[in-house]
Protein backbone atom coordinates (compact mmCIF):
# COMPACT_ATOMS: atom_id res chain seq x y z
CA MET A 1 0.06 0.04 -0.36
CA ASN A 2 0.94 3.32 -0.85
CA LYS A 3 0.55 6.49 1.31
CA TYR A 4 0.00 9.54 0.21
CA LEU A 5 -0.59 13.15 1.62
CA LEU A 6 -2.62 15.66 -0.89
CA ASP A 7 -1.03 19.12 -1.42
CA THR A 8 -4.17 21.55 -0.85
CA HIS A 9 -4.21 22.87 -4.36
CA ILE A 10 -4.21 18.80 -5.24
CA LEU A 11 -7.51 18.57 -3.19
CA LEU A 12 -9.11 21.26 -4.67
CA TRP A 13 -8.29 20.16 -8.26
CA SER A 14 -9.49 16.59 -7.74
CA LEU A 15 -12.81 17.90 -6.69
CA LEU A 16 -13.44 20.84 -8.58
CA GLU A 17 -11.08 20.87 -11.53
CA PRO A 18 -10.10 17.55 -12.52
CA GLU A 19 -8.78 18.37 -15.74
CA HIS A 20 -5.85 19.91 -13.86
CA LEU A 21 -4.37 16.33 -12.68
CA ARG A 22 -2.12 14.64 -14.66
CA THR A 23 -3.13 11.06 -15.46
CA ARG A 24 -1.06 9.29 -13.08
CA VAL A 25 -2.13 11.84 -10.16
CA SER A 26 -5.92 10.67 -11.18
CA SER A 27 -4.71 7.23 -10.86
CA VAL A 28 -2.71 7.06 -7.49
CA LEU A 29 -6.49 9.05 -6.34
CA GLU A 30 -8.43 6.45 -7.86
CA ASP A 31 -6.90 3.63 -6.64
CA PRO A 32 -8.62 2.23 -3.54
CA ASP A 33 -5.36 0.23 -2.50
CA ASN A 34 -3.72 3.48 -1.67
CA GLU A 35 -3.91 5.40 1.68
CA LEU A 36 -4.91 9.02 0.87
CA TRP A 37 -4.03 11.53 3.82
CA LEU A 38 -4.99 15.14 4.63
CA SER A 39 -3.56 17.78 6.83
CA PRO A 40 -6.15 20.17 8.94
CA ILE A 41 -3.81 22.80 7.31
CA THR A 42 -5.55 22.09 4.03
CA THR A 43 -8.51 22.02 5.84
CA TRP A 44 -7.73 25.79 7.50
CA GLU A 45 -6.52 26.83 4.03
CA ILE A 46 -9.17 25.64 1.85
CA ILE A 47 -11.69 27.72 4.14
CA VAL A 48 -9.60 30.81 4.08
CA LEU A 49 -9.33 30.97 0.59
CA ALA A 50 -12.70 30.99 -0.04
CA GLU A 51 -13.22 33.59 2.34
CA LYS A 52 -10.77 35.51 0.46
CA GLY A 53 -12.83 35.16 -2.42
CA ARG A 54 -10.06 33.06 -4.28
CA ILE A 55 -11.91 30.02 -4.63
CA VAL A 56 -16.34 29.33 -4.85
CA LEU A 57 -17.67 26.58 -3.22
CA ASP A 58 -21.36 25.85 -3.49
CA GLU A 59 -21.98 26.39 0.28
CA GLU A 60 -20.33 27.71 3.36
CA PRO A 61 -16.63 26.94 3.41
CA ALA A 62 -16.86 25.16 6.80
CA ASN A 63 -19.93 22.99 5.79
CA TRP A 64 -18.46 22.05 2.38
CA MET A 65 -15.22 20.97 3.97
CA ALA A 66 -16.87 18.87 6.24
CA ALA A 67 -19.02 17.49 3.73
CA VAL A 68 -15.80 16.30 1.44
CA LEU A 69 -14.09 14.68 5.12
CA LYS A 70 -17.51 12.68 5.62
CA THR A 71 -17.24 11.33 2.00
CA ILE A 72 -13.89 10.61 1.15
CA PRO A 73 -11.87 8.53 3.57
CA PHE A 74 -8.63 10.62 4.36
CA ARG A 75 -6.33 9.83 7.30
CA GLN A 76 -5.70 12.62 9.59
CA ALA A 77 -1.94 13.86 9.07
CA VAL A 78 -2.17 15.26 13.01
CA ILE A 79 -0.38 18.18 13.41
CA ASN A 80 1.99 17.24 16.63
CA HIS A 81 5.06 18.52 18.17
CA GLU A 82 7.34 16.66 16.17
CA ILE A 83 5.74 18.15 12.77
CA ALA A 84 6.35 21.46 14.31
CA MET A 85 9.95 21.09 14.94
CA GLN A 86 10.45 19.80 11.84
CA SER A 87 8.35 22.69 10.16
CA ARG A 88 11.32 24.98 10.96
CA MET A 89 14.16 22.37 10.10
CA LEU A 90 13.12 22.23 6.39
CA GLU A 91 15.15 23.75 4.02
CA LEU A 92 12.85 25.88 2.05
CA PRO A 93 13.14 29.49 0.32
CA HIS A 94 10.09 31.05 1.96
CA GLN A 95 8.37 30.93 5.30
CA ASP A 96 4.58 30.06 4.21
CA PRO A 97 3.73 28.36 7.40
CA ALA A 98 1.19 25.98 5.40
CA ASP A 99 3.61 24.69 3.29
CA ARG A 100 5.88 24.31 5.97
CA PHE A 101 3.61 22.18 8.20
CA ILE A 102 2.36 19.88 5.16
CA ALA A 103 5.76 18.99 4.20
CA ALA A 104 6.99 18.14 7.77
CA SER A 105 3.71 15.99 7.80
CA ALA A 106 5.07 14.08 4.59
CA LEU A 107 8.21 13.74 6.37
CA VAL A 108 7.27 12.66 9.90
CA TYR A 109 4.33 10.51 8.38
CA GLU A 110 6.82 9.24 5.66
CA LEU A 111 3.94 10.09 3.18
CA THR A 112 4.64 10.75 -0.45
CA LEU A 113 3.22 14.61 -1.10
CA ILE A 114 1.43 14.91 -4.29
CA THR A 115 1.78 18.51 -5.41
CA SER A 116 2.42 21.01 -7.93
CA ASP A 117 4.19 23.64 -5.84
CA LYS A 118 7.43 23.95 -7.73
CA THR A 119 9.42 24.87 -4.27
CA LEU A 120 7.85 21.80 -2.77
CA ILE A 121 9.03 19.77 -5.27
CA GLN A 122 12.60 21.21 -5.32
CA ALA A 123 13.03 21.21 -1.59
CA ALA A 124 12.08 17.63 -1.08
CA GLY A 125 13.97 17.16 1.63
CA GLY A 126 13.54 13.91 3.33
CA TYR A 127 10.31 13.70 1.95
CA ALA A 128 9.02 11.94 -1.42
CA VAL A 129 7.18 13.86 -4.02
CA LEU A 130 4.30 12.72 -6.71
CA GLU A 131 4.98 16.13 -9.01
CA ASN A 132 1.55 16.60 -10.97
């Protein structure tokens, strides 16, 4: 079984704009033998993006996200002290806390991060990446 952590935009594209996903990523997401993980940071990011009007959802953001979490069997990449410490040790060229927590979660939980974020792909210090 392979274990994957979805970056925020990958989750959004899979649900709202699947045409943005490469065939390989779509196959990974659809394969029932794969374990899909999600960080609570992604939930927070989606709600913030909706509140700022950067994405449009068909219902109130927290309700939309709650429905997604009930529908898709994600494992939760719980944020803990180890992840908090790792988030500061990663060699990323920026200080974006969401990226840092998501990348640190992939590292700590030994997950392959699915992302299109070039910064996270190039920095992949200790965590595996599946590039979209």
